[in-house]
């Protein structure tokens, strides 16, 4: 069975319509989750805590998509 890891993180954006963080050292790493449903629940909680700040945004990163064990080289390996 394939493990599908998800990372939930967020922070203050420079502009609410962009995805550029104001200070990458202050990114809030909520956690790593074994499935989308638990990641979504964590994302929703973090997003709701900061709903009054338009510059705060949280994301779900599909970590399992960064590395495909079935292919000889993943796109991230080709970059380096």
N, C-alpha and C. Protein backbone atom coordinates (compact mmCIF):
# COMPACT_ATOMS: atom_id res chain seq x y z
N UNK A 1 0.84 -1.19 0.00
CA UNK A 1 0.00 0.00 0.00
C UNK A 1 0.88 1.25 0.00
N UNK A 2 0.52 2.23 -0.80
CA UNK A 2 1.27 3.47 -0.91
C UNK A 2 0.91 4.40 0.24
N UNK A 3 1.93 5.00 0.83
CA UNK A 3 1.70 5.96 1.91
C UNK A 3 1.57 7.35 1.29
N UNK A 4 0.54 8.07 1.61
CA UNK A 4 0.29 9.39 1.04
C UNK A 4 0.42 10.46 2.12
N UNK A 5 1.62 10.97 2.27
CA UNK A 5 1.89 11.96 3.31
C UNK A 5 1.48 13.37 2.87
N UNK A 6 1.00 14.14 3.84
CA UNK A 6 0.56 15.52 3.59
C UNK A 6 1.14 16.42 4.68
N UNK A 7 1.70 17.54 4.27
CA UNK A 7 2.27 18.54 5.18
C UNK A 7 1.33 19.74 5.23
N UNK A 8 0.99 20.17 6.44
CA UNK A 8 0.16 21.36 6.62
C UNK A 8 1.04 22.46 7.20
N UNK A 9 1.07 23.59 6.51
CA UNK A 9 1.90 24.71 6.94
C UNK A 9 1.26 26.02 6.50
N UNK A 10 1.73 27.11 7.08
CA UNK A 10 1.18 28.40 6.69
C UNK A 10 1.93 29.54 7.35
N UNK A 11 1.47 30.72 7.08
CA UNK A 11 2.09 31.90 7.65
C UNK A 11 1.57 33.17 7.01
N UNK A 12 2.21 34.26 7.36
CA UNK A 12 1.79 35.57 6.85
C UNK A 12 2.31 35.77 5.43
N UNK A 13 1.41 36.17 4.55
CA UNK A 13 1.78 36.43 3.16
C UNK A 13 2.07 37.92 2.95
N UNK A 14 2.90 38.22 1.98
CA UNK A 14 3.20 39.61 1.63
C UNK A 14 1.93 40.29 1.15
N UNK A 15 1.15 39.57 0.36
CA UNK A 15 -0.08 40.09 -0.22
C UNK A 15 -1.11 38.96 -0.19
N UNK A 16 -2.33 39.20 0.25
CA UNK A 16 -3.31 38.13 0.34
C UNK A 16 -3.61 37.43 -0.99
N UNK A 17 -3.32 38.07 -2.10
CA UNK A 17 -3.60 37.45 -3.40
C UNK A 17 -2.39 36.71 -3.97
N UNK A 18 -1.32 36.58 -3.17
CA UNK A 18 -0.13 35.86 -3.63
C UNK A 18 0.14 34.68 -2.71
N UNK A 19 1.20 33.95 -2.99
CA UNK A 19 1.61 32.85 -2.12
C UNK A 19 3.03 33.07 -1.61
N UNK A 20 3.49 34.31 -1.63
CA UNK A 20 4.83 34.64 -1.14
C UNK A 20 4.74 34.99 0.35
N UNK A 21 5.53 34.27 1.16
CA UNK A 21 5.52 34.50 2.60
C UNK A 21 6.31 35.76 2.96
N UNK A 22 5.80 36.50 3.95
CA UNK A 22 6.46 37.71 4.41
C UNK A 22 7.80 37.38 5.08
N UNK A 23 7.85 36.30 5.84
CA UNK A 23 9.07 35.90 6.54
C UNK A 23 9.09 34.37 6.63
N UNK A 24 9.92 33.73 5.81
CA UNK A 24 9.93 32.26 5.77
C UNK A 24 10.40 31.65 7.09
N UNK A 25 11.12 32.40 7.89
CA UNK A 25 11.56 31.88 9.19
C UNK A 25 10.41 31.80 10.20
N UNK A 26 9.29 32.43 9.88
CA UNK A 26 8.13 32.41 10.77
C UNK A 26 7.01 31.52 10.24
N UNK A 27 7.32 30.66 9.27
CA UNK A 27 6.30 29.74 8.76
C UNK A 27 5.90 28.77 9.87
N UNK A 28 4.61 28.60 10.02
CA UNK A 28 4.06 27.71 11.04
C UNK A 28 3.90 26.32 10.42
N UNK A 29 4.70 25.37 10.89
CA UNK A 29 4.58 23.98 10.45
C UNK A 29 3.57 23.30 11.38
N UNK A 30 2.38 23.08 10.89
CA UNK A 30 1.33 22.48 11.70
C UNK A 30 1.63 21.00 11.93
N UNK A 31 2.03 20.30 10.85
CA UNK A 31 2.39 18.90 11.02
C UNK A 31 2.31 18.10 9.74
N UNK A 32 2.74 16.84 9.85
CA UNK A 32 2.72 15.87 8.75
C UNK A 32 1.61 14.86 9.06
N UNK A 33 0.82 14.53 8.05
CA UNK A 33 -0.34 13.68 8.26
C UNK A 33 -0.36 12.52 7.26
N UNK A 34 -0.85 11.36 7.68
CA UNK A 34 -0.79 10.16 6.85
C UNK A 34 -1.88 10.07 5.78
N UNK A 35 -2.86 10.97 5.82
CA UNK A 35 -3.92 10.94 4.82
C UNK A 35 -4.50 12.34 4.66
N UNK A 36 -5.19 12.54 3.56
CA UNK A 36 -5.73 13.86 3.25
C UNK A 36 -6.77 14.30 4.27
N UNK A 37 -7.61 13.40 4.71
CA UNK A 37 -8.68 13.78 5.65
C UNK A 37 -8.13 14.37 6.95
N UNK A 38 -7.09 13.75 7.51
CA UNK A 38 -6.52 14.29 8.75
C UNK A 38 -5.76 15.58 8.48
N UNK A 39 -5.13 15.69 7.31
CA UNK A 39 -4.44 16.94 6.94
C UNK A 39 -5.46 18.06 6.76
N UNK A 40 -6.57 17.75 6.13
CA UNK A 40 -7.62 18.75 5.92
C UNK A 40 -8.17 19.25 7.25
N UNK A 41 -8.36 18.34 8.18
CA UNK A 41 -8.86 18.71 9.51
C UNK A 41 -7.88 19.65 10.21
N UNK A 42 -6.59 19.34 10.13
CA UNK A 42 -5.56 20.21 10.74
C UNK A 42 -5.50 21.55 10.03
N UNK A 43 -5.58 21.53 8.70
CA UNK A 43 -5.56 22.77 7.91
C UNK A 43 -6.74 23.66 8.31
N UNK A 44 -7.92 23.06 8.39
CA UNK A 44 -9.14 23.81 8.72
C UNK A 44 -9.02 24.46 10.09
N UNK A 45 -8.50 23.72 11.06
CA UNK A 45 -8.32 24.28 12.40
C UNK A 45 -7.37 25.46 12.41
N UNK A 46 -6.24 25.32 11.71
CA UNK A 46 -5.25 26.41 11.65
C UNK A 46 -5.83 27.61 10.92
N UNK A 47 -6.52 27.36 9.82
CA UNK A 47 -7.10 28.45 9.04
C UNK A 47 -8.18 29.19 9.83
N UNK A 48 -8.98 28.45 10.57
CA UNK A 48 -10.04 29.09 11.35
C UNK A 48 -9.50 29.92 12.50
N UNK A 49 -8.36 29.51 13.06
CA UNK A 49 -7.75 30.30 14.15
C UNK A 49 -7.26 31.65 13.65
N UNK A 50 -6.97 31.76 12.37
CA UNK A 50 -6.40 33.00 11.83
C UNK A 50 -7.34 33.67 10.82
N UNK A 51 -8.62 33.33 10.87
CA UNK A 51 -9.58 33.81 9.88
C UNK A 51 -9.69 35.34 9.84
N UNK A 52 -9.42 36.01 10.93
CA UNK A 52 -9.53 37.47 10.97
C UNK A 52 -8.33 38.20 10.37
N UNK A 53 -7.29 37.48 10.02
CA UNK A 53 -6.09 38.09 9.44
C UNK A 53 -6.00 37.69 7.97
N UNK A 54 -6.32 38.62 7.08
CA UNK A 54 -6.36 38.33 5.64
C UNK A 54 -4.99 37.93 5.08
N UNK A 55 -3.92 38.29 5.76
CA UNK A 55 -2.57 37.97 5.27
C UNK A 55 -2.09 36.57 5.69
N UNK A 56 -2.84 35.92 6.58
CA UNK A 56 -2.46 34.58 7.01
C UNK A 56 -3.13 33.54 6.13
N UNK A 57 -2.34 32.56 5.69
CA UNK A 57 -2.91 31.50 4.88
C UNK A 57 -2.19 30.19 5.16
N UNK A 58 -2.96 29.11 5.15
CA UNK A 58 -2.43 27.77 5.38
C UNK A 58 -2.61 26.92 4.12
N UNK A 59 -1.71 25.97 3.96
CA UNK A 59 -1.68 25.13 2.76
C UNK A 59 -1.54 23.66 3.15
N UNK A 60 -1.97 22.80 2.24
CA UNK A 60 -1.71 21.36 2.35
C UNK A 60 -0.80 20.99 1.19
N UNK A 61 0.38 20.48 1.51
CA UNK A 61 1.32 20.02 0.49
C UNK A 61 1.25 18.51 0.40
N UNK A 62 1.09 18.02 -0.80
CA UNK A 62 1.00 16.58 -1.05
C UNK A 62 2.43 16.03 -1.18
N UNK A 63 3.03 15.70 -0.06
CA UNK A 63 4.43 15.26 -0.02
C UNK A 63 4.63 13.99 -0.84
N UNK A 64 3.65 13.12 -0.86
CA UNK A 64 3.79 11.88 -1.61
C UNK A 64 3.98 12.12 -3.11
N UNK A 65 3.59 13.28 -3.60
CA UNK A 65 3.76 13.58 -5.03
C UNK A 65 5.18 14.02 -5.36
N UNK A 66 5.97 14.36 -4.35
CA UNK A 66 7.35 14.79 -4.60
C UNK A 66 8.27 13.64 -4.96
N UNK A 67 7.91 12.46 -4.51
CA UNK A 67 8.78 11.30 -4.74
C UNK A 67 7.92 10.11 -5.16
N UNK A 68 8.06 9.70 -6.39
CA UNK A 68 7.34 8.54 -6.89
C UNK A 68 8.31 7.38 -6.96
N UNK A 69 8.19 6.47 -6.03
CA UNK A 69 9.12 5.34 -5.92
C UNK A 69 9.07 4.41 -7.12
N UNK A 70 7.99 4.47 -7.89
CA UNK A 70 7.84 3.57 -9.04
C UNK A 70 8.65 4.02 -10.25
N UNK A 71 8.95 5.30 -10.36
CA UNK A 71 9.69 5.80 -11.52
C UNK A 71 11.18 5.89 -11.21
N UNK A 72 12.04 5.77 -12.23
CA UNK A 72 13.49 5.80 -12.00
C UNK A 72 13.99 7.13 -11.44
N UNK A 73 13.35 8.24 -11.79
CA UNK A 73 13.77 9.55 -11.26
C UNK A 73 12.55 10.44 -11.11
N UNK A 74 12.40 11.03 -9.95
CA UNK A 74 11.28 11.93 -9.74
C UNK A 74 11.68 13.32 -10.22
N UNK A 75 10.72 14.21 -10.46
CA UNK A 75 11.05 15.57 -10.91
C UNK A 75 11.99 16.31 -9.96
N UNK A 76 11.93 16.04 -8.65
CA UNK A 76 12.81 16.73 -7.72
C UNK A 76 14.26 16.25 -7.87
N UNK A 77 14.45 14.99 -8.22
CA UNK A 77 15.82 14.50 -8.43
C UNK A 77 16.43 15.14 -9.68
N UNK A 78 15.62 15.39 -10.69
CA UNK A 78 16.12 15.98 -11.93
C UNK A 78 16.60 17.40 -11.73
N UNK A 79 16.07 18.10 -10.73
CA UNK A 79 16.46 19.50 -10.49
C UNK A 79 17.90 19.60 -9.95
N UNK A 80 18.29 18.64 -9.14
CA UNK A 80 19.54 18.75 -8.42
C UNK A 80 20.72 18.23 -9.13
